Amino acid sequence: MNKLDVNPAALTFAPASSPHPGPAHRLIVLIPESKADTAHTAQKIWELAKAIEGPVQFLGLSKDAAHEPGLRRQIATLSAMVEDENISVESKIELGNNWLNLVRSEWQDGDVIVCFAQQNAGLTQRPLNQILESNLHATVYVFTGTLVEERSHPSWMYEVATWMGSIGIILGFSWLQAKLVQFSHNSAYVALLYISIFVEAVSIWIWNNVLDHYAGK
């Protein structure tokens, strides 16, 4: 069952019927490599952990060793902000890209999972919460508005499009200006020449801004 940013105070769990109940339900929080709004995220995790009255298990998945230190620092900071005398915290970080396998190795029946709205997984890049819910039949809470958007580095296609577009604009206006120079004795054509230079500069600026807009999406 997926839940989007519900009020933790509304969560209730029925008491165990066994006289010797098992360990308390854990809150398993899946931390991506993307930067999170630490204070906001920690507050939400703390409130949810208080509501279920269980410990917190942070799980981190890093695609390569180069990004692991940053992920480890992020989890360490969240752990320090969430842990108190009533909430114990553990953490585990692995290298790889298979969230489902990592969660399946840790998840126990009754645990509550937390992930972020921007987290996707699998070849089709489905939302991670949908994958976990359909495969584990677990309760998954989705935090929205807590990850900081990071602009990706421009791809080679973006670089090629930028240069090709700019060169095309320059060549086109160079041809036009060469034609206007032939009539340089006419003041009207001289004015058009200067206008074309201005329009050329504006066209290059617009082209680059249009590509920047779509590359940033």
Protein backbone atom coordinates (compact mmCIF):
# COMPACT_ATOMS: atom_id res chain seq x y z
CA MET A 1 0.00 0.00 0.00
CA ASN A 2 1.46 3.34 -1.06
CA LYS A 3 1.00 6.46 1.01
CA LEU A 4 2.02 9.98 0.02
CA ASP A 5 3.10 12.24 2.90
CA VAL A 6 0.29 11.28 5.23
CA ASN A 7 0.09 12.62 8.75
CA PRO A 8 2.19 10.25 10.92
CA ALA A 9 -0.03 10.98 13.91
CA ALA A 10 -2.82 9.12 12.16
CA LEU A 11 -0.89 5.85 12.05
CA THR A 12 -2.00 3.13 14.43
CA PHE A 13 -0.97 -0.49 14.78
CA ALA A 14 -2.97 -3.23 16.46
CA PRO A 15 -1.25 -4.83 19.47
CA ALA A 16 0.27 -8.25 18.89
CA SER A 17 -1.95 -11.12 19.91
CA SER A 18 1.00 -13.29 20.93
CA PRO A 19 2.15 -13.05 24.58
CA HIS A 20 5.70 -12.94 23.21
CA PRO A 21 5.56 -10.47 20.35
CA GLY A 22 8.44 -10.23 17.90
CA PRO A 23 10.61 -7.16 17.36
CA ALA A 24 8.85 -3.83 16.85
CA HIS A 25 8.00 -2.86 13.29
CA ARG A 26 10.94 -1.07 11.75
CA LEU A 27 10.92 2.01 9.57
CA ILE A 28 13.16 1.19 6.60
CA VAL A 29 14.25 4.42 4.87
CA LEU A 30 15.77 4.19 1.39
CA ILE A 31 18.31 6.97 0.86
CA PRO A 32 19.38 7.73 -2.74
CA GLU A 33 22.59 9.40 -3.86
CA SER A 34 20.68 12.61 -4.61
CA LYS A 35 20.99 15.35 -2.02
CA ALA A 36 18.07 15.64 0.37
CA ASP A 37 16.75 18.55 2.39
CA THR A 38 18.31 17.08 5.52
CA ALA A 39 16.36 18.95 8.19
CA HIS A 40 12.99 18.47 6.48
CA THR A 41 13.67 14.79 5.74
CA ALA A 42 14.92 14.05 9.26
CA GLN A 43 11.83 15.66 10.79
CA LYS A 44 9.51 13.53 8.65
CA ILE A 45 11.41 10.34 9.46
CA TRP A 46 11.40 11.14 13.18
CA GLU A 47 7.65 11.79 13.21
CA LEU A 48 6.93 8.56 11.33
CA ALA A 49 9.23 6.54 13.59
CA LYS A 50 7.48 7.95 16.66
CA ALA A 51 4.12 7.02 15.17
CA ILE A 52 5.01 3.37 14.55
CA GLU A 53 7.07 3.18 17.77
CA GLY A 54 9.84 1.26 16.08
CA PRO A 55 13.54 1.59 15.20
CA VAL A 56 14.83 3.15 11.99
CA GLN A 57 16.89 1.27 9.41
CA PHE A 58 18.60 3.46 6.82
CA LEU A 59 19.46 1.72 3.55
CA GLY A 60 21.71 3.41 1.01
CA LEU A 61 22.53 2.27 -2.52
CA SER A 62 25.47 3.81 -4.37
CA LYS A 63 26.10 3.17 -8.06
CA ASP A 64 29.88 3.39 -7.62
CA ALA A 65 32.53 3.78 -4.97
CA ALA A 66 33.16 7.42 -5.91
CA HIS A 67 29.69 8.47 -4.68
CA GLU A 68 29.66 6.26 -1.59
CA PRO A 69 31.39 8.74 0.81
CA GLY A 70 28.80 11.44 0.05
CA LEU A 71 25.95 9.01 0.60
CA ARG A 72 27.54 7.78 3.83
CA ARG A 73 27.84 11.36 5.13
CA GLN A 74 24.21 12.05 4.27
CA ILE A 75 23.01 8.96 6.13
CA ALA A 76 25.25 9.74 9.11
CA THR A 77 23.76 13.23 9.35
CA LEU A 78 20.19 11.93 9.14
CA SER A 79 20.95 9.26 11.75
CA ALA A 80 22.28 11.85 14.19
CA MET A 81 19.19 14.01 13.74
CA VAL A 82 16.65 11.18 14.04
CA GLU A 83 18.09 9.09 16.87
CA ASP A 84 17.01 9.79 20.46
CA GLU A 85 16.38 7.81 23.64
CA ASN A 86 13.24 6.27 22.15
CA ILE A 87 14.36 5.78 18.54
CA SER A 88 17.33 3.55 17.70
CA VAL A 89 18.97 3.88 14.31
CA GLU A 90 20.97 1.48 12.15
CA SER A 91 22.35 1.96 8.65
CA LYS A 92 23.61 -0.12 5.76
CA ILE A 93 25.15 0.97 2.45
CA GLU A 94 25.80 -1.23 -0.57
CA LEU A 95 27.21 -0.70 -4.05
CA GLY A 96 24.88 -1.48 -6.95
CA ASN A 97 21.64 -0.38 -8.55
CA ASN A 98 19.10 -3.03 -7.54
CA TRP A 99 16.91 -1.51 -4.83
CA LEU A 100 14.51 -4.44 -4.80
CA ASN A 101 17.22 -6.98 -3.94
CA LEU A 102 18.63 -4.75 -1.21
CA VAL A 103 15.26 -4.12 0.41
CA ARG A 104 14.23 -7.77 0.11
CA SER A 105 17.39 -8.82 1.99
CA GLU A 106 16.46 -6.56 4.93
CA TRP A 107 12.66 -6.33 4.93
CA GLN A 108 10.58 -8.36 7.37
CA ASP A 109 6.83 -8.76 7.40
CA GLY A 110 5.33 -5.73 9.13
CA ASP A 111 8.17 -3.32 8.37
CA VAL A 112 7.22 0.06 6.93
CA ILE A 113 9.24 1.39 4.00
CA VAL A 114 9.97 5.02 3.16
CA CYS A 115 11.25 6.20 -0.20
CA PHE A 116 11.24 9.44 -2.20
CA ALA A 117 8.95 10.46 -5.04
CA GLN A 118 11.88 10.97 -7.43
CA GLN A 119 13.29 7.46 -6.92
CA ASN A 120 12.91 5.21 -9.97
CA ALA A 121 14.28 1.73 -10.62
CA GLY A 122 14.46 -1.03 -13.18
CA LEU A 123 14.94 -0.94 -16.94
CA THR A 124 11.70 0.98 -17.41
CA GLN A 125 12.51 3.42 -14.58
CA ARG A 126 9.25 2.79 -12.77
CA PRO A 127 8.65 4.63 -9.49
CA LEU A 128 10.44 2.68 -6.78
CA ASN A 129 7.43 2.74 -4.45
CA GLN A 130 5.32 0.90 -7.05
CA ILE A 131 7.99 -1.78 -7.53
CA LEU A 132 8.30 -2.39 -3.79
CA GLU A 133 4.58 -2.44 -3.18
CA SER A 134 3.87 -4.90 -5.99
CA ASN A 135 6.75 -7.25 -5.13
CA LEU A 136 6.75 -7.17 -1.33
CA HIS A 137 3.12 -6.15 -0.65
CA ALA A 138 4.58 -3.77 1.90
CA THR A 139 3.35 -0.45 3.24
CA VAL A 140 5.40 2.21 1.44
CA TYR A 141 5.41 5.89 2.37
CA VAL A 142 6.55 8.33 -0.31
CA PHE A 143 8.20 11.60 0.70
CA THR A 144 7.65 14.44 -1.75
CA GLY A 145 9.50 17.73 -2.01
CA THR A 146 12.50 16.62 0.04
CA LEU A 147 15.11 15.84 -2.62
CA VAL A 148 17.13 18.72 -4.02
CA GLU A 149 16.95 18.83 -7.81
CA GLU A 150 20.41 18.49 -9.31
CA ARG A 151 21.09 19.54 -12.86
CA SER A 152 22.73 16.77 -14.83
CA HIS A 153 25.87 17.36 -16.83
CA PRO A 154 25.19 18.20 -20.49
CA SER A 155 25.40 15.18 -22.79
CA TRP A 156 27.52 15.07 -25.93
CA MET A 157 24.34 15.44 -27.99
CA TYR A 158 23.59 18.69 -26.15
CA GLU A 159 27.11 19.97 -26.86
CA VAL A 160 26.86 19.03 -30.56
CA ALA A 161 23.43 20.68 -30.90
CA THR A 162 24.76 23.86 -29.25
CA TRP A 163 27.75 24.15 -31.56
CA MET A 164 25.91 23.14 -34.74
CA GLY A 165 23.09 25.57 -34.08
CA SER A 166 25.43 28.45 -33.30
CA ILE A 167 27.59 27.75 -36.35
CA GLY A 168 24.49 27.54 -38.56
CA ILE A 169 23.26 30.90 -37.31
CA ILE A 170 26.68 32.51 -37.85
CA LEU A 171 27.02 31.12 -41.40
CA GLY A 172 23.51 32.19 -42.33
CA PHE A 173 23.99 35.75 -41.13
CA SER A 174 27.49 35.90 -42.67
CA TRP A 175 25.95 35.15 -46.08
CA LEU A 176 23.29 37.83 -45.52
CA GLN A 177 25.86 40.39 -44.38
CA ALA A 178 28.08 39.65 -47.39
CA LYS A 179 25.13 40.45 -49.64
CA LEU A 180 24.43 43.70 -47.78
CA VAL A 181 28.08 44.81 -48.03
CA GLN A 182 27.65 44.94 -51.80
CA PHE A 183 25.28 47.85 -51.24
CA SER A 184 27.37 49.59 -48.57
CA HIS A 185 27.10 52.89 -50.48
CA ASN A 186 23.40 52.96 -49.59
CA SER A 187 22.72 54.16 -46.03
CA ALA A 188 19.61 52.00 -45.78
CA TYR A 189 21.61 48.83 -46.46
CA VAL A 190 24.27 49.91 -43.93
CA ALA A 191 21.53 50.19 -41.30
CA LEU A 192 20.29 46.72 -42.26
CA LEU A 193 23.84 45.39 -41.89
CA TYR A 194 24.09 46.64 -38.31
CA ILE A 195 20.60 45.33 -37.54
CA SER A 196 21.56 41.90 -38.89
CA ILE A 197 24.61 41.79 -36.59
CA PHE A 198 22.37 42.55 -33.62
CA VAL A 199 19.78 39.95 -34.67
CA GLU A 200 22.58 37.38 -35.12
CA ALA A 201 23.79 37.87 -31.54
CA VAL A 202 20.22 37.67 -30.18
CA SER A 203 19.53 34.52 -32.22
CA ILE A 204 22.59 32.74 -30.77
CA TRP A 205 21.56 33.79 -27.25
CA ILE A 206 17.98 32.50 -27.77
CA TRP A 207 19.25 29.20 -29.25
CA ASN A 208 21.49 28.52 -26.28
CA ASN A 209 18.78 29.41 -23.77
CA VAL A 210 16.27 27.12 -25.48
CA LEU A 211 18.73 24.20 -25.28
CA ASP A 212 19.54 25.05 -21.65
CA HIS A 213 15.80 24.93 -20.84
CA TYR A 214 15.29 21.47 -22.30
CA ALA A 215 18.59 20.10 -20.97
CA GLY A 216 17.56 21.18 -17.47
CA LYS A 217 14.31 19.20 -17.56
